[in-house]
Amino acid sequence: MTRREPKFLNVDLDVESREPLGRLADALPSLLVLFSGRVRGRHMLSMELSDPALLVDPTVRHMARTISRLSGEPKRLWQRATKRCFNIGFACGTRHAPSFLIDASSIQAIAALDATLAIKLYPAENGKRMA
């Protein structure tokens, strides 16, 4: 078995709402839309940085800063969403993982946006993102 280093992949911003989220996605041009559609009657939007940073903390800060600058209808869509989650993805690898630090100011920025923080671990077998 090939030994793989654990690594940070990216941060997905997952939003769920009773309303269509297209205008929110349009207001966030630095984020790449991974999924936009309806699931079980709910509007879902999943985005990530189109040019991902190499480290967790700068990625979280950039995304939080981008969301905090929203105004008008996109801001209202964000505020009315029933789910707002910064979902951090890691490939598990086959070796002991180093610490991936998230600064207190980044966590405070997520909290100020009334969002949650999640961690997703992808299997060591392939180290690739899975749906």
N, C-alpha and C. Protein backbone atom coordinates (compact mmCIF):
# COMPACT_ATOMS: atom_id res chain seq x y z
N MET A 1 0.83 -1.18 0.00
CA MET A 1 0.00 0.00 0.00
C MET A 1 0.88 1.25 0.00
N THR A 2 0.57 2.19 -0.87
CA THR A 2 1.31 3.44 -0.93
C THR A 2 0.97 4.28 0.29
N ARG A 3 2.02 4.83 0.93
CA ARG A 3 1.79 5.67 2.10
C ARG A 3 1.45 7.08 1.63
N ARG A 4 0.37 7.60 2.18
CA ARG A 4 -0.08 8.94 1.81
C ARG A 4 -0.09 9.84 3.04
N GLU A 5 0.36 11.06 2.84
CA GLU A 5 0.33 12.05 3.92
C GLU A 5 -1.09 12.57 4.08
N PRO A 6 -1.55 12.73 5.32
CA PRO A 6 -2.85 13.41 5.53
C PRO A 6 -2.73 14.83 5.00
N LYS A 7 -3.82 15.34 4.43
CA LYS A 7 -3.73 16.71 3.92
C LYS A 7 -5.09 17.39 3.92
N PHE A 8 -5.02 18.70 4.02
CA PHE A 8 -6.19 19.55 3.90
C PHE A 8 -6.58 19.59 2.43
N LEU A 9 -7.89 19.44 2.15
CA LEU A 9 -8.37 19.48 0.77
C LEU A 9 -8.95 20.84 0.43
N ASN A 10 -10.00 21.24 1.14
CA ASN A 10 -10.65 22.52 0.89
C ASN A 10 -11.76 22.70 1.91
N VAL A 11 -12.39 23.86 1.87
CA VAL A 11 -13.55 24.13 2.71
C VAL A 11 -14.75 24.28 1.79
N ASP A 12 -15.76 23.47 2.03
CA ASP A 12 -17.02 23.62 1.29
C ASP A 12 -17.93 24.50 2.13
N LEU A 13 -18.60 25.40 1.49
CA LEU A 13 -19.61 26.22 2.15
C LEU A 13 -20.95 25.65 1.73
N ASP A 14 -21.65 25.02 2.67
CA ASP A 14 -22.92 24.36 2.40
C ASP A 14 -24.06 25.19 2.95
N VAL A 15 -25.02 25.53 2.08
CA VAL A 15 -26.16 26.37 2.45
C VAL A 15 -27.43 25.63 2.06
N GLU A 16 -28.41 25.68 2.95
CA GLU A 16 -29.72 25.07 2.70
C GLU A 16 -30.79 26.09 3.04
N SER A 17 -31.85 26.11 2.20
CA SER A 17 -32.88 27.13 2.38
C SER A 17 -34.21 26.65 1.82
N ARG A 18 -35.25 27.36 2.21
CA ARG A 18 -36.57 27.14 1.60
C ARG A 18 -36.71 27.91 0.29
N GLU A 19 -35.74 28.81 0.03
CA GLU A 19 -35.77 29.69 -1.14
C GLU A 19 -34.65 29.32 -2.11
N PRO A 20 -34.82 29.61 -3.41
CA PRO A 20 -33.73 29.41 -4.36
C PRO A 20 -32.50 30.24 -3.96
N LEU A 21 -31.32 29.69 -4.18
CA LEU A 21 -30.09 30.32 -3.71
C LEU A 21 -29.20 30.83 -4.85
N GLY A 22 -29.73 30.90 -6.05
CA GLY A 22 -28.94 31.34 -7.19
C GLY A 22 -28.36 32.73 -7.03
N ARG A 23 -29.13 33.66 -6.47
CA ARG A 23 -28.63 35.04 -6.29
C ARG A 23 -27.52 35.10 -5.26
N LEU A 24 -27.55 34.20 -4.27
CA LEU A 24 -26.46 34.12 -3.30
C LEU A 24 -25.19 33.65 -4.01
N ALA A 25 -25.30 32.60 -4.80
CA ALA A 25 -24.15 32.09 -5.54
C ALA A 25 -23.58 33.16 -6.48
N ASP A 26 -24.46 33.89 -7.15
CA ASP A 26 -24.02 34.94 -8.08
C ASP A 26 -23.25 36.05 -7.37
N ALA A 27 -23.57 36.29 -6.11
CA ALA A 27 -22.93 37.37 -5.34
C ALA A 27 -21.57 36.94 -4.77
N LEU A 28 -21.18 35.69 -5.01
CA LEU A 28 -19.93 35.16 -4.47
C LEU A 28 -19.04 34.64 -5.60
N PRO A 29 -18.55 35.54 -6.47
CA PRO A 29 -17.81 35.09 -7.66
C PRO A 29 -16.48 34.40 -7.35
N SER A 30 -15.91 34.60 -6.16
CA SER A 30 -14.65 33.92 -5.84
C SER A 30 -14.88 32.48 -5.39
N LEU A 31 -16.16 32.08 -5.29
CA LEU A 31 -16.47 30.71 -4.90
C LEU A 31 -17.01 29.94 -6.10
N LEU A 32 -16.57 28.71 -6.23
CA LEU A 32 -16.98 27.83 -7.30
C LEU A 32 -18.17 27.00 -6.82
N VAL A 33 -19.24 26.99 -7.59
CA VAL A 33 -20.43 26.22 -7.23
C VAL A 33 -20.17 24.75 -7.53
N LEU A 34 -20.25 23.91 -6.49
CA LEU A 34 -20.11 22.47 -6.64
C LEU A 34 -21.46 21.82 -6.90
N PHE A 35 -22.49 22.35 -6.24
CA PHE A 35 -23.85 21.82 -6.40
C PHE A 35 -24.84 22.94 -6.12
N SER A 36 -25.86 23.01 -6.94
CA SER A 36 -26.96 23.92 -6.71
C SER A 36 -28.22 23.23 -7.22
N GLY A 37 -29.16 23.00 -6.33
CA GLY A 37 -30.38 22.33 -6.74
C GLY A 37 -31.28 22.03 -5.56
N ARG A 38 -32.30 21.23 -5.84
CA ARG A 38 -33.26 20.87 -4.79
C ARG A 38 -33.04 19.43 -4.37
N VAL A 39 -33.09 19.23 -3.07
CA VAL A 39 -32.99 17.90 -2.48
C VAL A 39 -34.09 17.80 -1.44
N ARG A 40 -34.97 16.83 -1.59
CA ARG A 40 -36.08 16.62 -0.66
C ARG A 40 -36.84 17.94 -0.38
N GLY A 41 -37.10 18.68 -1.45
CA GLY A 41 -37.89 19.91 -1.33
C GLY A 41 -37.14 21.11 -0.80
N ARG A 42 -35.85 21.00 -0.51
CA ARG A 42 -35.04 22.10 0.01
C ARG A 42 -34.05 22.54 -1.06
N HIS A 43 -33.76 23.82 -1.08
CA HIS A 43 -32.75 24.36 -2.00
C HIS A 43 -31.38 24.20 -1.34
N MET A 44 -30.46 23.61 -2.06
CA MET A 44 -29.12 23.33 -1.54
C MET A 44 -28.09 24.02 -2.42
N LEU A 45 -27.04 24.53 -1.78
CA LEU A 45 -25.94 25.16 -2.50
C LEU A 45 -24.66 24.76 -1.80
N SER A 46 -23.70 24.26 -2.55
CA SER A 46 -22.40 23.90 -2.01
C SER A 46 -21.34 24.57 -2.87
N MET A 47 -20.43 25.32 -2.22
CA MET A 47 -19.41 26.09 -2.93
C MET A 47 -18.07 25.91 -2.25
N GLU A 48 -17.00 26.18 -2.99
CA GLU A 48 -15.66 26.20 -2.41
C GLU A 48 -14.84 27.25 -3.17
N LEU A 49 -13.67 27.59 -2.62
CA LEU A 49 -12.81 28.55 -3.32
C LEU A 49 -12.40 27.97 -4.66
N SER A 50 -12.48 28.78 -5.71
CA SER A 50 -12.09 28.30 -7.03
C SER A 50 -10.58 28.15 -7.13
N ASP A 51 -9.86 28.87 -6.31
CA ASP A 51 -8.40 28.76 -6.23
C ASP A 51 -8.05 28.49 -4.77
N PRO A 52 -8.11 27.22 -4.34
CA PRO A 52 -7.96 26.93 -2.91
C PRO A 52 -6.60 27.33 -2.35
N ALA A 53 -6.64 27.83 -1.12
CA ALA A 53 -5.41 28.14 -0.40
C ALA A 53 -4.76 26.84 0.05
N LEU A 54 -3.52 26.91 0.43
CA LEU A 54 -2.82 25.70 0.86
C LEU A 54 -3.08 25.36 2.32
N LEU A 55 -3.58 26.31 3.09
CA LEU A 55 -3.79 26.10 4.52
C LEU A 55 -5.25 26.29 4.90
N VAL A 56 -5.65 25.63 5.97
CA VAL A 56 -7.04 25.69 6.43
C VAL A 56 -7.44 27.11 6.82
N ASP A 57 -6.69 27.71 7.72
CA ASP A 57 -7.09 28.98 8.32
C ASP A 57 -7.28 30.10 7.29
N PRO A 58 -6.34 30.32 6.37
CA PRO A 58 -6.56 31.39 5.38
C PRO A 58 -7.79 31.13 4.51
N THR A 59 -8.09 29.88 4.24
CA THR A 59 -9.26 29.55 3.43
C THR A 59 -10.53 29.91 4.18
N VAL A 60 -10.62 29.53 5.45
CA VAL A 60 -11.79 29.84 6.27
C VAL A 60 -11.95 31.35 6.38
N ARG A 61 -10.85 32.06 6.66
CA ARG A 61 -10.93 33.53 6.80
C ARG A 61 -11.40 34.19 5.51
N HIS A 62 -10.85 33.76 4.39
CA HIS A 62 -11.25 34.35 3.11
C HIS A 62 -12.75 34.15 2.87
N MET A 63 -13.23 32.94 3.09
CA MET A 63 -14.65 32.66 2.86
C MET A 63 -15.53 33.46 3.81
N ALA A 64 -15.16 33.52 5.08
CA ALA A 64 -15.96 34.28 6.06
C ALA A 64 -15.98 35.76 5.70
N ARG A 65 -14.84 36.30 5.30
CA ARG A 65 -14.77 37.72 4.91
C ARG A 65 -15.65 37.97 3.68
N THR A 66 -15.65 37.05 2.73
CA THR A 66 -16.46 37.18 1.53
C THR A 66 -17.95 37.19 1.88
N ILE A 67 -18.37 36.30 2.75
CA ILE A 67 -19.78 36.24 3.17
C ILE A 67 -20.15 37.50 3.96
N SER A 68 -19.26 37.96 4.83
CA SER A 68 -19.57 39.12 5.67
C SER A 68 -19.76 40.39 4.84
N ARG A 69 -19.25 40.42 3.62
CA ARG A 69 -19.38 41.60 2.76
C ARG A 69 -20.66 41.59 1.92
N LEU A 70 -21.46 40.56 2.05
CA LEU A 70 -22.72 40.50 1.29
C LEU A 70 -23.63 41.65 1.69
N SER A 71 -24.46 42.09 0.76
CA SER A 71 -25.47 43.11 1.06
C SER A 71 -26.72 42.80 0.25
N GLY A 72 -27.79 43.50 0.54
CA GLY A 72 -29.02 43.37 -0.21
C GLY A 72 -29.62 41.98 -0.15
N GLU A 73 -30.19 41.55 -1.27
CA GLU A 73 -30.87 40.25 -1.34
C GLU A 73 -29.94 39.07 -1.04
N PRO A 74 -28.70 39.03 -1.55
CA PRO A 74 -27.82 37.92 -1.19
C PRO A 74 -27.60 37.80 0.33
N LYS A 75 -27.46 38.93 1.01
CA LYS A 75 -27.29 38.89 2.46
C LYS A 75 -28.55 38.35 3.14
N ARG A 76 -29.72 38.78 2.66
CA ARG A 76 -30.97 38.28 3.23
C ARG A 76 -31.11 36.77 2.99
N LEU A 77 -30.71 36.30 1.81
CA LEU A 77 -30.76 34.86 1.53
C LEU A 77 -29.87 34.10 2.51
N TRP A 78 -28.67 34.63 2.76
CA TRP A 78 -27.75 34.01 3.72
C TRP A 78 -28.40 33.97 5.11
N GLN A 79 -28.95 35.09 5.53
CA GLN A 79 -29.52 35.17 6.88
C GLN A 79 -30.75 34.28 7.05
N ARG A 80 -31.53 34.10 5.99
CA ARG A 80 -32.74 33.28 6.08
C ARG A 80 -32.48 31.79 5.87
N ALA A 81 -31.28 31.43 5.45
CA ALA A 81 -30.95 30.03 5.22
C ALA A 81 -31.10 29.22 6.51
N THR A 82 -31.53 27.98 6.37
CA THR A 82 -31.71 27.11 7.53
C THR A 82 -30.43 26.37 7.88
N LYS A 83 -29.48 26.35 6.97
CA LYS A 83 -28.17 25.74 7.22
C LYS A 83 -27.11 26.60 6.56
N ARG A 84 -26.06 26.92 7.32
CA ARG A 84 -24.91 27.67 6.83
C ARG A 84 -23.69 27.00 7.45
N CYS A 85 -22.97 26.19 6.69
CA CYS A 85 -21.92 25.37 7.28
C CYS A 85 -20.61 25.48 6.52
N PHE A 86 -19.54 25.78 7.24
CA PHE A 86 -18.18 25.73 6.71
C PHE A 86 -17.70 24.30 6.95
N ASN A 87 -17.61 23.50 5.89
CA ASN A 87 -17.31 22.08 5.99
C ASN A 87 -15.87 21.85 5.52
N ILE A 88 -14.98 21.60 6.47
CA ILE A 88 -13.55 21.45 6.16
C ILE A 88 -13.25 20.00 5.82
N GLY A 89 -12.66 19.78 4.65
CA GLY A 89 -12.36 18.42 4.19
C GLY A 89 -10.88 18.09 4.29
N PHE A 90 -10.62 16.89 4.78
CA PHE A 90 -9.26 16.37 4.89
C PHE A 90 -9.18 14.99 4.27
N ALA A 91 -8.09 14.69 3.58
CA ALA A 91 -7.80 13.32 3.17
C ALA A 91 -7.06 12.70 4.35
N CYS A 92 -7.54 11.56 4.84
CA CYS A 92 -6.98 10.96 6.05
C CYS A 92 -5.51 10.55 5.90
N GLY A 93 -5.16 10.05 4.73
CA GLY A 93 -3.79 9.57 4.55
C GLY A 93 -3.55 8.28 5.32
N THR A 94 -2.33 7.83 5.33
CA THR A 94 -1.96 6.59 6.02
C THR A 94 -0.91 6.84 7.08
N ARG A 95 -0.63 8.08 7.35
CA ARG A 95 0.35 8.45 8.38
C ARG A 95 -0.33 9.31 9.44
N HIS A 96 0.36 9.52 10.55
CA HIS A 96 -0.13 10.39 11.62
C HIS A 96 -0.29 11.80 11.05
N ALA A 97 -1.44 12.38 11.30
CA ALA A 97 -1.73 13.73 10.78
C ALA A 97 -1.10 14.80 11.66
N PRO A 98 -0.58 15.85 11.03
CA PRO A 98 -0.12 17.00 11.80
C PRO A 98 -1.34 17.77 12.30
N SER A 99 -1.13 18.72 13.16
CA SER A 99 -2.23 19.59 13.59
C SER A 99 -2.55 20.56 12.47
N PHE A 100 -3.84 20.71 12.19
CA PHE A 100 -4.31 21.70 11.24
C PHE A 100 -4.99 22.77 12.09
N LEU A 101 -4.35 23.92 12.22
CA LEU A 101 -4.81 24.95 13.14
C LEU A 101 -5.84 25.88 12.51
N ILE A 102 -6.84 26.24 13.33
CA ILE A 102 -7.82 27.24 12.95
C ILE A 102 -7.78 28.30 14.04
N ASP A 103 -7.44 29.50 13.66
CA ASP A 103 -7.28 30.60 14.60
C ASP A 103 -8.62 30.99 15.24
N ALA A 104 -8.57 31.47 16.46
CA ALA A 104 -9.79 31.90 17.17
C ALA A 104 -10.55 32.96 16.38
N SER A 105 -9.84 33.85 15.70
CA SER A 105 -10.54 34.90 14.93
C SER A 105 -11.33 34.29 13.77
N SER A 106 -10.86 33.20 13.21
CA SER A 106 -11.60 32.52 12.14
C SER A 106 -12.87 31.88 12.69
N ILE A 107 -12.75 31.28 13.85
CA ILE A 107 -13.92 30.65 14.48
C ILE A 107 -14.93 31.73 14.88
N GLN A 108 -14.44 32.86 15.37
CA GLN A 108 -15.33 33.97 15.71
C GLN A 108 -16.03 34.51 14.47
N ALA A 109 -15.32 34.56 13.35
CA ALA A 109 -15.92 35.05 12.10
C ALA A 109 -17.04 34.11 11.65
N ILE A 110 -16.84 32.81 11.79
CA ILE A 110 -17.88 31.84 11.44
C ILE A 110 -19.09 32.02 12.36
N ALA A 111 -18.83 32.17 13.65
CA ALA A 111 -19.92 32.37 14.62
C ALA A 111 -20.67 33.66 14.34
N ALA A 112 -19.96 34.73 13.97
CA ALA A 112 -20.61 36.01 13.67
C ALA A 112 -21.54 35.90 12.47
N LEU A 113 -21.28 34.93 11.60
CA LEU A 113 -22.14 34.71 10.43
C LEU A 113 -23.27 33.74 10.74
N ASP A 114 -23.39 33.35 12.00
CA ASP A 114 -24.40 32.39 12.44
C ASP A 114 -24.30 31.09 11.65
N ALA A 115 -23.05 30.66 11.43
CA ALA A 115 -22.78 29.44 10.68
C ALA A 115 -22.19 28.39 11.61
N THR A 116 -22.13 27.18 11.11
CA THR A 116 -21.52 26.08 11.86
C THR A 116 -20.22 25.67 11.19
N LEU A 117 -19.45 24.88 11.90
CA LEU A 117 -18.18 24.35 11.41
C LEU A 117 -18.26 22.84 11.46
N ALA A 118 -17.92 22.19 10.36
CA ALA A 118 -17.92 20.73 10.30
C ALA A 118 -16.58 20.26 9.77
N ILE A 119 -16.22 19.04 10.12
CA ILE A 119 -14.99 18.42 9.63
C ILE A 119 -15.39 17.14 8.91
N LYS A 120 -14.91 16.99 7.68
CA LYS A 120 -15.19 15.77 6.91
C LYS A 120 -13.87 15.10 6.60
N LEU A 121 -13.78 13.80 6.92
CA LEU A 121 -12.57 13.02 6.65
C LEU A 121 -12.84 12.08 5.49
N TYR A 122 -11.98 12.15 4.48
CA TYR A 122 -12.11 11.28 3.33
C TYR A 122 -11.17 10.09 3.50
N PRO A 123 -11.56 8.91 3.03
CA PRO A 123 -10.79 7.69 3.27
C PRO A 123 -9.36 7.74 2.74
N ALA A 124 -8.50 7.00 3.41
CA ALA A 124 -7.09 6.91 3.01
C ALA A 124 -6.91 6.11 1.73
N GLU A 125 -7.86 5.26 1.37
CA GLU A 125 -7.70 4.39 0.20
C GLU A 125 -7.39 5.16 -1.07
N ASN A 126 -8.10 6.28 -1.25
CA ASN A 126 -7.84 7.02 -2.48
C ASN A 126 -7.49 8.48 -2.24
N GLY A 127 -7.80 9.00 -1.04
CA GLY A 127 -7.49 10.38 -0.72
C GLY A 127 -8.20 11.42 -1.57
N LYS A 128 -9.21 10.97 -2.32
CA LYS A 128 -9.95 11.89 -3.18
C LYS A 128 -11.26 12.27 -2.55
N ARG A 129 -11.80 13.36 -3.00
CA ARG A 129 -13.10 13.82 -2.51
C ARG A 129 -14.17 12.85 -2.97
N MET A 130 -15.09 12.60 -2.08
CA MET A 130 -16.20 11.74 -2.41
C MET A 130 -17.48 12.49 -2.11
N ALA A 131 -18.53 12.23 -2.87
CA ALA A 131 -19.81 12.91 -2.66
C ALA A 131 -20.45 12.47 -1.38
